Amino acid sequence: MALLGELFPDHFPYVATWKGGATHPAVTARAAVVDHVVPGSLGGAWLDQSNMVTACWPCNERKGDLTLQILGWSLHPSADTSWDGLTTKYRRLWELAGRPTQHAHRAWLQALEQDL
């Protein structure tokens, strides 16, 4: 979403802190975040990948430090396990955006093992 903000700043404003009124509503409504199935505050392992799932930001916010059992929620399997989240397109989008130098972009490129 940060790259979309770089490419289309007038139509898709993006502020790294997700500042309300300055960031496109899709950022907070649809941004994917890491959620811990068992919250760390309840003894869940913060770094154990089997305790991490992808959630939209609003669902993660609603869940907070509660367990799925308390909420009556269940995990949903990925609908399409072949979808890569556009990670294979990131470097090209970064280049189209003029190779912005923000730390987040460098971290993504490094995480995706794509050279700067």
N, C-alpha and C. Protein backbone atom coordinates (compact mmCIF):
# COMPACT_ATOMS: atom_id res chain seq x y z
N MET A 1 0.82 -1.18 0.00
CA MET A 1 0.00 0.00 0.00
C MET A 1 0.86 1.25 0.00
N ALA A 2 2.02 1.15 0.65
CA ALA A 2 2.94 2.29 0.64
C ALA A 2 3.39 2.60 -0.78
N LEU A 3 3.64 1.56 -1.56
CA LEU A 3 4.05 1.79 -2.95
C LEU A 3 2.91 2.38 -3.77
N LEU A 4 1.68 1.97 -3.52
CA LEU A 4 0.55 2.59 -4.21
C LEU A 4 0.49 4.08 -3.88
N GLY A 5 0.76 4.41 -2.63
CA GLY A 5 0.80 5.81 -2.23
C GLY A 5 1.90 6.58 -2.94
N GLU A 6 3.01 5.92 -3.20
CA GLU A 6 4.11 6.56 -3.94
C GLU A 6 3.71 6.78 -5.40
N LEU A 7 3.04 5.78 -5.98
CA LEU A 7 2.66 5.85 -7.39
C LEU A 7 1.48 6.78 -7.64
N PHE A 8 0.53 6.81 -6.72
CA PHE A 8 -0.69 7.59 -6.90
C PHE A 8 -1.00 8.43 -5.66
N PRO A 9 -0.12 9.37 -5.32
CA PRO A 9 -0.28 10.11 -4.06
C PRO A 9 -1.57 10.92 -3.98
N ASP A 10 -2.08 11.41 -5.10
CA ASP A 10 -3.31 12.21 -5.05
C ASP A 10 -4.55 11.34 -4.88
N HIS A 11 -4.52 10.12 -5.40
CA HIS A 11 -5.68 9.24 -5.35
C HIS A 11 -5.61 8.21 -4.21
N PHE A 12 -4.39 7.91 -3.77
CA PHE A 12 -4.22 6.90 -2.72
C PHE A 12 -3.17 7.39 -1.73
N PRO A 13 -3.53 8.45 -0.96
CA PRO A 13 -2.54 8.96 0.01
C PRO A 13 -2.20 7.92 1.06
N TYR A 14 -0.93 7.84 1.37
CA TYR A 14 -0.45 6.88 2.35
C TYR A 14 0.48 7.58 3.32
N VAL A 15 0.22 7.41 4.60
CA VAL A 15 1.09 7.91 5.66
C VAL A 15 1.49 6.69 6.47
N ALA A 16 2.78 6.51 6.68
CA ALA A 16 3.30 5.30 7.34
C ALA A 16 2.65 5.03 8.69
N THR A 17 2.23 6.07 9.39
CA THR A 17 1.60 5.88 10.70
C THR A 17 0.09 5.68 10.59
N TRP A 18 -0.42 5.61 9.36
CA TRP A 18 -1.85 5.42 9.08
C TRP A 18 -2.68 6.54 9.70
N LYS A 19 -2.17 7.75 9.69
CA LYS A 19 -2.85 8.89 10.28
C LYS A 19 -4.23 9.07 9.65
N GLY A 20 -5.26 9.05 10.50
CA GLY A 20 -6.62 9.24 10.03
C GLY A 20 -6.81 10.55 9.32
N GLY A 21 -7.53 10.54 8.21
CA GLY A 21 -7.77 11.74 7.44
C GLY A 21 -6.67 12.05 6.45
N ALA A 22 -5.49 11.50 6.66
CA ALA A 22 -4.36 11.73 5.75
C ALA A 22 -4.03 10.49 4.93
N THR A 23 -4.57 9.35 5.32
CA THR A 23 -4.30 8.08 4.67
C THR A 23 -5.59 7.56 4.05
N HIS A 24 -5.47 6.95 2.89
CA HIS A 24 -6.65 6.39 2.23
C HIS A 24 -7.32 5.36 3.15
N PRO A 25 -8.64 5.37 3.23
CA PRO A 25 -9.34 4.45 4.13
C PRO A 25 -9.05 2.97 3.86
N ALA A 26 -8.68 2.62 2.65
CA ALA A 26 -8.38 1.22 2.34
C ALA A 26 -7.19 0.72 3.13
N VAL A 27 -6.30 1.61 3.52
CA VAL A 27 -5.11 1.18 4.27
C VAL A 27 -5.53 0.56 5.59
N THR A 28 -6.35 1.25 6.34
CA THR A 28 -6.76 0.69 7.63
C THR A 28 -7.84 -0.38 7.49
N ALA A 29 -8.63 -0.30 6.44
CA ALA A 29 -9.72 -1.27 6.28
C ALA A 29 -9.24 -2.60 5.71
N ARG A 30 -8.17 -2.58 4.91
CA ARG A 30 -7.78 -3.80 4.21
C ARG A 30 -6.33 -4.22 4.40
N ALA A 31 -5.58 -3.48 5.17
CA ALA A 31 -4.18 -3.84 5.36
C ALA A 31 -4.06 -5.16 6.09
N ALA A 32 -3.19 -6.01 5.60
CA ALA A 32 -2.94 -7.29 6.25
C ALA A 32 -1.89 -7.10 7.33
N VAL A 33 -2.14 -7.70 8.47
CA VAL A 33 -1.21 -7.63 9.59
C VAL A 33 -1.02 -9.04 10.16
N VAL A 34 0.01 -9.20 10.94
CA VAL A 34 0.25 -10.48 11.62
C VAL A 34 -0.55 -10.49 12.91
N ASP A 35 -1.27 -11.57 13.12
CA ASP A 35 -2.00 -11.75 14.37
C ASP A 35 -1.47 -13.03 15.02
N HIS A 36 -1.45 -13.03 16.32
CA HIS A 36 -1.03 -14.22 17.07
C HIS A 36 -2.27 -14.99 17.48
N VAL A 37 -2.36 -16.25 17.09
CA VAL A 37 -3.51 -17.09 17.41
C VAL A 37 -3.71 -17.10 18.92
N VAL A 38 -2.68 -17.41 19.64
CA VAL A 38 -2.69 -17.29 21.11
C VAL A 38 -1.89 -16.04 21.44
N PRO A 39 -2.54 -15.00 21.93
CA PRO A 39 -1.84 -13.75 22.22
C PRO A 39 -0.63 -13.95 23.13
N GLY A 40 0.42 -13.21 22.85
CA GLY A 40 1.62 -13.28 23.69
C GLY A 40 1.31 -12.96 25.13
N SER A 41 0.36 -12.08 25.35
CA SER A 41 0.00 -11.71 26.72
C SER A 41 -0.65 -12.87 27.48
N LEU A 42 -1.09 -13.89 26.74
CA LEU A 42 -1.68 -15.08 27.38
C LEU A 42 -0.78 -16.29 27.26
N GLY A 43 0.50 -16.05 26.97
CA GLY A 43 1.47 -17.13 26.93
C GLY A 43 1.79 -17.65 25.54
N GLY A 44 1.19 -17.09 24.50
CA GLY A 44 1.49 -17.51 23.14
C GLY A 44 2.91 -17.11 22.76
N ALA A 45 3.51 -17.91 21.91
CA ALA A 45 4.89 -17.64 21.48
C ALA A 45 4.88 -16.55 20.41
N TRP A 46 5.53 -15.44 20.73
CA TRP A 46 5.55 -14.28 19.82
C TRP A 46 6.19 -14.61 18.48
N LEU A 47 7.23 -15.42 18.46
CA LEU A 47 7.99 -15.65 17.24
C LEU A 47 7.75 -17.01 16.60
N ASP A 48 6.88 -17.80 17.15
CA ASP A 48 6.58 -19.12 16.59
C ASP A 48 5.64 -18.95 15.39
N GLN A 49 6.12 -19.34 14.21
CA GLN A 49 5.31 -19.15 13.01
C GLN A 49 3.99 -19.90 13.05
N SER A 50 3.93 -20.99 13.79
CA SER A 50 2.66 -21.72 13.89
C SER A 50 1.64 -20.96 14.72
N ASN A 51 2.07 -19.91 15.43
CA ASN A 51 1.17 -19.07 16.22
C ASN A 51 0.83 -17.78 15.49
N MET A 52 1.28 -17.64 14.24
CA MET A 52 1.04 -16.41 13.47
C MET A 52 0.13 -16.68 12.30
N VAL A 53 -0.82 -15.78 12.11
CA VAL A 53 -1.73 -15.84 10.96
C VAL A 53 -1.87 -14.43 10.40
N THR A 54 -2.37 -14.35 9.20
CA THR A 54 -2.66 -13.06 8.58
C THR A 54 -4.09 -12.68 8.91
N ALA A 55 -4.26 -11.42 9.27
CA ALA A 55 -5.60 -10.90 9.56
C ALA A 55 -5.70 -9.49 9.00
N CYS A 56 -6.92 -9.07 8.70
CA CYS A 56 -7.08 -7.66 8.33
C CYS A 56 -6.94 -6.85 9.63
N TRP A 57 -6.54 -5.62 9.48
CA TRP A 57 -6.30 -4.79 10.65
C TRP A 57 -7.54 -4.65 11.53
N PRO A 58 -8.75 -4.41 10.96
CA PRO A 58 -9.92 -4.29 11.84
C PRO A 58 -10.20 -5.55 12.65
N CYS A 59 -10.03 -6.73 12.05
CA CYS A 59 -10.26 -7.97 12.80
C CYS A 59 -9.21 -8.15 13.89
N ASN A 60 -7.96 -7.83 13.58
CA ASN A 60 -6.90 -7.92 14.57
C ASN A 60 -7.20 -6.98 15.74
N GLU A 61 -7.66 -5.79 15.42
CA GLU A 61 -8.00 -4.81 16.46
C GLU A 61 -9.14 -5.32 17.33
N ARG A 62 -10.17 -5.91 16.72
CA ARG A 62 -11.30 -6.44 17.49
C ARG A 62 -10.88 -7.61 18.37
N LYS A 63 -10.00 -8.45 17.84
CA LYS A 63 -9.57 -9.63 18.59
C LYS A 63 -8.76 -9.22 19.81
N GLY A 64 -7.88 -8.24 19.62
CA GLY A 64 -7.07 -7.77 20.74
C GLY A 64 -6.30 -8.90 21.39
N ASP A 65 -6.35 -8.99 22.70
CA ASP A 65 -5.64 -10.01 23.46
C ASP A 65 -6.55 -11.17 23.85
N LEU A 66 -7.61 -11.39 23.07
CA LEU A 66 -8.52 -12.49 23.37
C LEU A 66 -8.16 -13.71 22.53
N THR A 67 -8.64 -14.86 22.96
CA THR A 67 -8.40 -16.08 22.19
C THR A 67 -9.57 -16.31 21.23
N LEU A 68 -9.33 -17.15 20.24
CA LEU A 68 -10.39 -17.51 19.30
C LEU A 68 -11.55 -18.18 20.03
N GLN A 69 -11.24 -19.00 21.03
CA GLN A 69 -12.27 -19.69 21.79
C GLN A 69 -13.16 -18.71 22.54
N ILE A 70 -12.57 -17.71 23.17
CA ILE A 70 -13.35 -16.72 23.90
C ILE A 70 -14.31 -15.99 22.96
N LEU A 71 -13.82 -15.67 21.75
CA LEU A 71 -14.63 -14.94 20.79
C LEU A 71 -15.60 -15.82 20.01
N GLY A 72 -15.38 -17.12 20.04
CA GLY A 72 -16.20 -18.01 19.23
C GLY A 72 -15.81 -17.96 17.76
N TRP A 73 -14.58 -17.55 17.50
CA TRP A 73 -14.07 -17.46 16.13
C TRP A 73 -13.29 -18.71 15.79
N SER A 74 -13.07 -18.92 14.51
CA SER A 74 -12.21 -20.02 14.06
C SER A 74 -11.34 -19.52 12.92
N LEU A 75 -10.23 -20.20 12.72
CA LEU A 75 -9.34 -19.84 11.61
C LEU A 75 -9.95 -20.30 10.30
N HIS A 76 -9.74 -19.51 9.27
CA HIS A 76 -10.20 -19.88 7.93
C HIS A 76 -9.00 -20.27 7.10
N PRO A 77 -9.10 -21.36 6.36
CA PRO A 77 -7.98 -21.72 5.48
C PRO A 77 -7.83 -20.69 4.37
N SER A 78 -6.63 -20.57 3.86
CA SER A 78 -6.40 -19.67 2.74
C SER A 78 -7.24 -20.14 1.56
N ALA A 79 -7.91 -19.21 0.93
CA ALA A 79 -8.76 -19.56 -0.20
C ALA A 79 -7.92 -20.00 -1.40
N ASP A 80 -6.79 -19.37 -1.58
CA ASP A 80 -5.94 -19.69 -2.72
C ASP A 80 -4.49 -19.68 -2.25
N THR A 81 -3.95 -20.84 -2.01
CA THR A 81 -2.59 -20.93 -1.48
C THR A 81 -1.53 -20.59 -2.51
N SER A 82 -1.91 -20.46 -3.77
CA SER A 82 -0.92 -20.11 -4.79
C SER A 82 -0.71 -18.60 -4.90
N TRP A 83 -1.60 -17.80 -4.30
CA TRP A 83 -1.48 -16.35 -4.40
C TRP A 83 -0.29 -15.89 -3.57
N ASP A 84 0.56 -15.10 -4.15
CA ASP A 84 1.78 -14.68 -3.48
C ASP A 84 1.70 -13.28 -2.87
N GLY A 85 0.50 -12.70 -2.84
CA GLY A 85 0.36 -11.37 -2.25
C GLY A 85 1.05 -10.30 -3.06
N LEU A 86 1.30 -10.57 -4.32
CA LEU A 86 1.99 -9.66 -5.23
C LEU A 86 3.46 -9.46 -4.87
N THR A 87 4.00 -10.34 -4.04
CA THR A 87 5.40 -10.18 -3.64
C THR A 87 6.35 -10.25 -4.83
N THR A 88 6.00 -11.02 -5.85
CA THR A 88 6.87 -11.11 -7.02
C THR A 88 6.84 -9.82 -7.84
N LYS A 89 5.87 -8.97 -7.58
CA LYS A 89 5.74 -7.69 -8.30
C LYS A 89 6.33 -6.52 -7.53
N TYR A 90 6.73 -6.75 -6.28
CA TYR A 90 7.14 -5.65 -5.41
C TYR A 90 8.31 -4.85 -5.99
N ARG A 91 9.35 -5.55 -6.41
CA ARG A 91 10.52 -4.83 -6.90
C ARG A 91 10.16 -3.95 -8.10
N ARG A 92 9.37 -4.48 -9.03
CA ARG A 92 8.98 -3.70 -10.21
C ARG A 92 8.14 -2.49 -9.80
N LEU A 93 7.22 -2.67 -8.88
CA LEU A 93 6.42 -1.54 -8.40
C LEU A 93 7.30 -0.50 -7.72
N TRP A 94 8.26 -0.98 -6.95
CA TRP A 94 9.21 -0.08 -6.28
C TRP A 94 9.98 0.73 -7.32
N GLU A 95 10.41 0.08 -8.38
CA GLU A 95 11.12 0.78 -9.44
C GLU A 95 10.22 1.80 -10.13
N LEU A 96 8.97 1.42 -10.43
CA LEU A 96 8.02 2.34 -11.06
C LEU A 96 7.74 3.54 -10.18
N ALA A 97 7.81 3.35 -8.86
CA ALA A 97 7.58 4.44 -7.91
C ALA A 97 8.81 5.33 -7.76
N GLY A 98 9.87 5.06 -8.52
CA GLY A 98 11.07 5.89 -8.45
C GLY A 98 12.07 5.45 -7.41
N ARG A 99 12.00 4.19 -6.99
CA ARG A 99 12.92 3.64 -6.00
C ARG A 99 12.94 4.45 -4.70
N PRO A 100 11.79 4.64 -4.08
CA PRO A 100 11.77 5.42 -2.83
C PRO A 100 12.68 4.79 -1.78
N THR A 101 13.23 5.62 -0.95
CA THR A 101 14.28 5.16 -0.03
C THR A 101 13.78 4.89 1.39
N GLN A 102 12.50 4.97 1.66
CA GLN A 102 12.01 4.72 3.01
C GLN A 102 12.45 3.34 3.49
N HIS A 103 12.72 3.26 4.78
CA HIS A 103 13.21 2.03 5.39
C HIS A 103 12.28 0.85 5.11
N ALA A 104 10.97 1.08 5.12
CA ALA A 104 10.01 -0.02 4.91
C ALA A 104 10.24 -0.70 3.57
N HIS A 105 10.53 0.08 2.54
CA HIS A 105 10.75 -0.52 1.22
C HIS A 105 12.02 -1.36 1.22
N ARG A 106 13.05 -0.85 1.84
CA ARG A 106 14.29 -1.62 1.91
C ARG A 106 14.08 -2.92 2.69
N ALA A 107 13.31 -2.84 3.76
CA ALA A 107 13.04 -4.04 4.56
C ALA A 107 12.26 -5.07 3.75
N TRP A 108 11.27 -4.60 2.97
CA TRP A 108 10.51 -5.53 2.13
C TRP A 108 11.40 -6.17 1.07
N LEU A 109 12.20 -5.38 0.41
CA LEU A 109 13.08 -5.92 -0.62
C LEU A 109 14.05 -6.93 -0.01
N GLN A 110 14.55 -6.62 1.15
CA GLN A 110 15.47 -7.56 1.82
C GLN A 110 14.73 -8.82 2.23
N ALA A 111 13.53 -8.68 2.78
CA ALA A 111 12.75 -9.85 3.20
C ALA A 111 12.41 -10.74 2.01
N LEU A 112 12.20 -10.12 0.88
CA LEU A 112 11.86 -10.87 -0.33
C LEU A 112 13.11 -11.30 -1.09
N GLU A 113 14.28 -11.00 -0.50
CA GLU A 113 15.57 -11.34 -1.09
C GLU A 113 15.71 -10.78 -2.49
N GLN A 114 15.31 -9.53 -2.64
CA GLN A 114 15.45 -8.83 -3.90
C GLN A 114 16.47 -7.72 -3.71
N ASP A 115 17.54 -7.76 -4.45
CA ASP A 115 18.60 -6.78 -4.31
C ASP A 115 18.09 -5.37 -4.58
N LEU A 116 18.71 -4.40 -3.88
CA LEU A 116 18.42 -2.99 -4.13
C LEU A 116 19.12 -2.65 -5.38
